[in-house]
Every structure is written in structure tokens, then in C-alpha cells.
Amino acid sequence: MRQTLPKSNILRGYQSFTTIITNGVSFKGTLLSAFVLKDVTKKSLSIGFSVPKKRIALAVNRNRIRRLMREAVRKNLNEAQIAARKKNVGADIIVMFKGDKHGNTLRLKLQDIEPEWIRIQEQILQTL
């Protein structure tokens, strides 16, 4: 069994990100925020990840946080896809790292990010 997100579920491209951020609905948490744009023509979820350079200066740290976010989403994506199929709707989602208010980004672990993503995912599924 493959332990990665399928390429069909990964959202890429500057234009698609800007469209979703400007037209989508936002959900905010303490570490993460998500932007969601419903897409009735699609029947699946596409997810993109963003860690702003203004918040995390070093690319090594940005990539580490992006990997943690991707893993949290991957572990909980199956139930979201099932719920989206039941409602017969698809969506494009961007998960953006807002930052830690204490600045301890180097100490972040999956256990810090995953519960936050689960809360945001529940809010997203209620609105779909």
C-alpha cells in the first residue's frame, strides 16, 4: 500500500491557488487555515499546501512543515473523500500554515498539526 497522497489529489499552480484564496471560504485555526472552493463538476477533493516565506524564512523549515501538513491530510483524507462522494460534490482545498504564536516552528510535530487539521476538516465537511 502506498503511503503518499495520490497525484490526482494534489493541487498545483499559482493561478489555481489565487482563485481558491480569493473566491473560496476560509476556515481558521491556531496553526493552520484552509481555503475551500466547491466544485460541482468534480467528484473528488484536490488539496494544495502553502507555507509562506514571510512566516518561515528557511526553505528547509518550510519543507518540513509542508511534509507534516501533507502527512496529517493524508492520514485523514479517506473519510473526507467518502463524505464528499456521499454529497456528490468535489472541492479544491488549500491548507496554509499560519505560524505558531510562540515561534516554535522547529519543534512542531505531527501531533501538533494533525488535531488542528481534523477540526478544520470537520468544519469543511459540514459546509460541503
C-alpha atoms as a PDB file:
ATOM      1  CA  MET A   1       0.000   0.000   0.000  1.00  0.00           C
ATOM      2  CA  ARG A   2       1.302   3.380  -0.998  1.00  0.00           C
ATOM      3  CA  GLN A   3       1.788   5.867   1.823  1.00  0.00           C
ATOM      4  CA  THR A   4       1.568   9.093  -0.182  1.00  0.00           C
ATOM      5  CA  LEU A   5      -1.147  11.379  -1.456  1.00  0.00           C
ATOM      6  CA  PRO A   6      -2.249  10.427  -4.965  1.00  0.00           C
ATOM      7  CA  LYS A   7      -1.056  12.889  -7.591  1.00  0.00           C
ATOM      8  CA  SER A   8      -4.647  13.342  -8.749  1.00  0.00           C
ATOM      9  CA  ASN A   9      -5.475  14.850  -5.337  1.00  0.00           C
ATOM     10  CA  ILE A  10      -2.593  17.349  -5.227  1.00  0.00           C
ATOM     11  CA  LEU A  11      -3.369  20.876  -6.339  1.00  0.00           C
ATOM     12  CA  ARG A  12      -0.639  22.840  -8.077  1.00  0.00           C
ATOM     13  CA  GLY A  13      -0.247  26.126  -9.892  1.00  0.00           C
ATOM     14  CA  TYR A  14      -0.236  29.779  -8.965  1.00  0.00           C
ATOM     15  CA  GLN A  15      -3.467  30.555 -10.816  1.00  0.00           C
ATOM     16  CA  SER A  16      -5.466  27.825  -9.099  1.00  0.00           C
ATOM     17  CA  PHE A  17      -4.149  28.885  -5.680  1.00  0.00           C
ATOM     18  CA  THR A  18      -5.067  32.550  -6.206  1.00  0.00           C
ATOM     19  CA  THR A  19      -8.537  31.626  -7.498  1.00  0.00           C
ATOM     20  CA  ILE A  20      -9.269  29.476  -4.468  1.00  0.00           C
ATOM     21  CA  ILE A  21      -7.901  32.007  -1.975  1.00  0.00           C
ATOM     22  CA  THR A  22      -9.845  34.928  -3.461  1.00  0.00           C
ATOM     23  CA  ASN A  23     -13.144  33.120  -4.152  1.00  0.00           C
ATOM     24  CA  GLY A  24     -13.159  30.405  -1.523  1.00  0.00           C
ATOM     25  CA  VAL A  25     -14.440  30.184   2.028  1.00  0.00           C
ATOM     26  CA  SER A  26     -11.812  30.305   4.764  1.00  0.00           C
ATOM     27  CA  PHE A  27     -11.546  28.237   7.933  1.00  0.00           C
ATOM     28  CA  LYS A  28      -9.075  29.308  10.573  1.00  0.00           C
ATOM     29  CA  GLY A  29      -7.298  27.506  13.368  1.00  0.00           C
ATOM     30  CA  THR A  30      -4.358  28.418  15.544  1.00  0.00           C
ATOM     31  CA  LEU A  31      -1.645  26.895  13.331  1.00  0.00           C
ATOM     32  CA  LEU A  32      -3.442  26.296  10.035  1.00  0.00           C
ATOM     33  CA  SER A  33      -6.008  27.964   7.862  1.00  0.00           C
ATOM     34  CA  ALA A  34      -7.844  26.404   4.956  1.00  0.00           C
ATOM     35  CA  PHE A  35      -9.487  27.896   1.895  1.00  0.00           C
ATOM     36  CA  VAL A  36     -12.202  25.830   0.212  1.00  0.00           C
ATOM     37  CA  LEU A  37     -13.847  26.299  -3.159  1.00  0.00           C
ATOM     38  CA  LYS A  38     -16.672  23.920  -4.064  1.00  0.00           C
ATOM     39  CA  ASP A  39     -16.519  22.362  -7.500  1.00  0.00           C
ATOM     40  CA  VAL A  40     -19.708  20.603  -8.565  1.00  0.00           C
ATOM     41  CA  THR A  41     -18.166  19.296 -11.781  1.00  0.00           C
ATOM     42  CA  LYS A  42     -15.513  17.315  -9.902  1.00  0.00           C
ATOM     43  CA  LYS A  43     -16.318  14.415  -7.624  1.00  0.00           C
ATOM     44  CA  SER A  44     -13.072  14.376  -5.659  1.00  0.00           C
ATOM     45  CA  LEU A  45     -11.024  16.586  -3.382  1.00  0.00           C
ATOM     46  CA  SER A  46      -7.883  18.370  -4.552  1.00  0.00           C
ATOM     47  CA  ILE A  47      -5.564  19.705  -1.879  1.00  0.00           C
ATOM     48  CA  GLY A  48      -2.707  22.189  -2.059  1.00  0.00           C
ATOM     49  CA  PHE A  49      -0.253  23.192   0.653  1.00  0.00           C
ATOM     50  CA  SER A  50       1.315  26.563   1.336  1.00  0.00           C
ATOM     51  CA  VAL A  51       3.890  27.761   3.854  1.00  0.00           C
ATOM     52  CA  PRO A  52       4.526  31.492   3.380  1.00  0.00           C
ATOM     53  CA  LYS A  53       8.113  32.641   3.136  1.00  0.00           C
ATOM     54  CA  LYS A  54       7.309  35.647   5.315  1.00  0.00           C
ATOM     55  CA  ARG A  55       6.444  33.340   8.221  1.00  0.00           C
ATOM     56  CA  ILE A  56       9.213  30.743   7.780  1.00  0.00           C
ATOM     57  CA  ALA A  57      12.360  32.137   6.207  1.00  0.00           C
ATOM     58  CA  LEU A  58      14.430  28.988   5.648  1.00  0.00           C
ATOM     59  CA  ALA A  59      13.366  26.627   2.871  1.00  0.00           C
ATOM     60  CA  VAL A  60      14.404  23.599   4.928  1.00  0.00           C
ATOM     61  CA  ASN A  61      11.939  24.546   7.643  1.00  0.00           C
ATOM     62  CA  ARG A  62       9.181  25.389   5.142  1.00  0.00           C
ATOM     63  CA  ASN A  63       9.570  21.996   3.501  1.00  0.00           C
ATOM     64  CA  ARG A  64       9.482  20.208   6.859  1.00  0.00           C
ATOM     65  CA  ILE A  65       6.236  21.937   7.832  1.00  0.00           C
ATOM     66  CA  ARG A  66       4.781  21.186   4.401  1.00  0.00           C
ATOM     67  CA  ARG A  67       5.635  17.489   4.859  1.00  0.00           C
ATOM     68  CA  LEU A  68       3.949  17.484   8.266  1.00  0.00           C
ATOM     69  CA  MET A  69       0.823  19.107   6.837  1.00  0.00           C
ATOM     70  CA  ARG A  70       0.757  16.665   3.929  1.00  0.00           C
ATOM     71  CA  GLU A  71       1.033  13.694   6.289  1.00  0.00           C
ATOM     72  CA  ALA A  72      -1.781  14.976   8.531  1.00  0.00           C
ATOM     73  CA  VAL A  73      -4.031  15.389   5.495  1.00  0.00           C
ATOM     74  CA  ARG A  74      -3.061  12.015   4.026  1.00  0.00           C
ATOM     75  CA  LYS A  75      -3.918  10.163   7.222  1.00  0.00           C
ATOM     76  CA  ASN A  76      -7.405  11.670   7.375  1.00  0.00           C
ATOM     77  CA  LEU A  77      -8.248  12.118   3.693  1.00  0.00           C
ATOM     78  CA  ASN A  78     -10.181   8.886   3.234  1.00  0.00           C
ATOM     79  CA  GLU A  79     -13.104   9.893   5.436  1.00  0.00           C
ATOM     80  CA  ALA A  80     -13.282  13.307   3.771  1.00  0.00           C
ATOM     81  CA  GLN A  81     -13.431  11.741   0.323  1.00  0.00           C
ATOM     82  CA  ILE A  82     -16.190   9.359   1.422  1.00  0.00           C
ATOM     83  CA  ALA A  83     -18.232  12.276   2.784  1.00  0.00           C
ATOM     84  CA  ALA A  84     -17.702  14.259  -0.424  1.00  0.00           C
ATOM     85  CA  ARG A  85     -18.829  11.302  -2.555  1.00  0.00           C
ATOM     86  CA  LYS A  86     -21.971  10.882  -0.441  1.00  0.00           C
ATOM     87  CA  LYS A  87     -22.839  14.523  -1.017  1.00  0.00           C
ATOM     88  CA  ASN A  88     -21.859  14.146  -4.689  1.00  0.00           C
ATOM     89  CA  VAL A  89     -19.647  17.229  -4.649  1.00  0.00           C
ATOM     90  CA  GLY A  90     -15.960  17.960  -5.065  1.00  0.00           C
ATOM     91  CA  ALA A  91     -13.805  20.747  -3.721  1.00  0.00           C
ATOM     92  CA  ASP A  92     -10.434  22.385  -4.028  1.00  0.00           C
ATOM     93  CA  ILE A  93      -8.734  22.962  -0.671  1.00  0.00           C
ATOM     94  CA  ILE A  94      -5.629  24.946   0.205  1.00  0.00           C
ATOM     95  CA  VAL A  95      -4.053  24.318   3.585  1.00  0.00           C
ATOM     96  CA  MET A  96      -1.917  27.265   4.668  1.00  0.00           C
ATOM     97  CA  PHE A  97       0.428  27.408   7.639  1.00  0.00           C
ATOM     98  CA  LYS A  98      -0.281  30.485   9.747  1.00  0.00           C
ATOM     99  CA  GLY A  99       2.514  30.053  12.235  1.00  0.00           C
ATOM    100  CA  ASP A 100       2.921  29.348  15.874  1.00  0.00           C
ATOM    101  CA  LYS A 101       2.283  32.305  18.176  1.00  0.00           C
ATOM    102  CA  HIS A 102       5.296  31.286  20.268  1.00  0.00           C
ATOM    103  CA  GLY A 103       7.579  30.919  17.255  1.00  0.00           C
ATOM    104  CA  ASN A 104       8.447  27.285  17.986  1.00  0.00           C
ATOM    105  CA  THR A 105       8.176  26.141  14.390  1.00  0.00           C
ATOM    106  CA  LEU A 106      11.287  23.991  14.659  1.00  0.00           C
ATOM    107  CA  ARG A 107       9.690  21.972  17.449  1.00  0.00           C
ATOM    108  CA  LEU A 108       6.429  21.314  15.613  1.00  0.00           C
ATOM    109  CA  LYS A 109       5.430  17.677  15.300  1.00  0.00           C
ATOM    110  CA  LEU A 110       2.688  15.778  13.567  1.00  0.00           C
ATOM    111  CA  GLN A 111       0.865  15.544  16.905  1.00  0.00           C
ATOM    112  CA  ASP A 112       0.574  19.356  16.909  1.00  0.00           C
ATOM    113  CA  ILE A 113      -0.712  19.728  13.364  1.00  0.00           C
ATOM    114  CA  GLU A 114      -2.988  16.688  12.988  1.00  0.00           C
ATOM    115  CA  PRO A 115      -5.656  17.607  15.599  1.00  0.00           C
ATOM    116  CA  GLU A 116      -5.859  21.088  14.126  1.00  0.00           C
ATOM    117  CA  TRP A 117      -6.391  19.655  10.641  1.00  0.00           C
ATOM    118  CA  ILE A 118      -9.075  17.258  11.929  1.00  0.00           C
ATOM    119  CA  ARG A 119     -11.029  20.205  13.426  1.00  0.00           C
ATOM    120  CA  ILE A 120     -10.755  22.193  10.195  1.00  0.00           C
ATOM    121  CA  GLN A 121     -11.681  19.147   8.108  1.00  0.00           C
ATOM    122  CA  GLU A 122     -14.865  18.636  10.158  1.00  0.00           C
ATOM    123  CA  GLN A 123     -15.838  22.267   9.542  1.00  0.00           C
ATOM    124  CA  ILE A 124     -15.166  21.857   5.820  1.00  0.00           C
ATOM    125  CA  LEU A 125     -17.272  18.702   5.581  1.00  0.00           C
ATOM    126  CA  GLN A 126     -20.196  20.421   7.308  1.00  0.00           C
ATOM    127  CA  THR A 127     -20.209  23.204   4.732  1.00  0.00           C
ATOM    128  CA  LEU A 128     -19.871  20.994   1.640  1.00  0.00           C
END
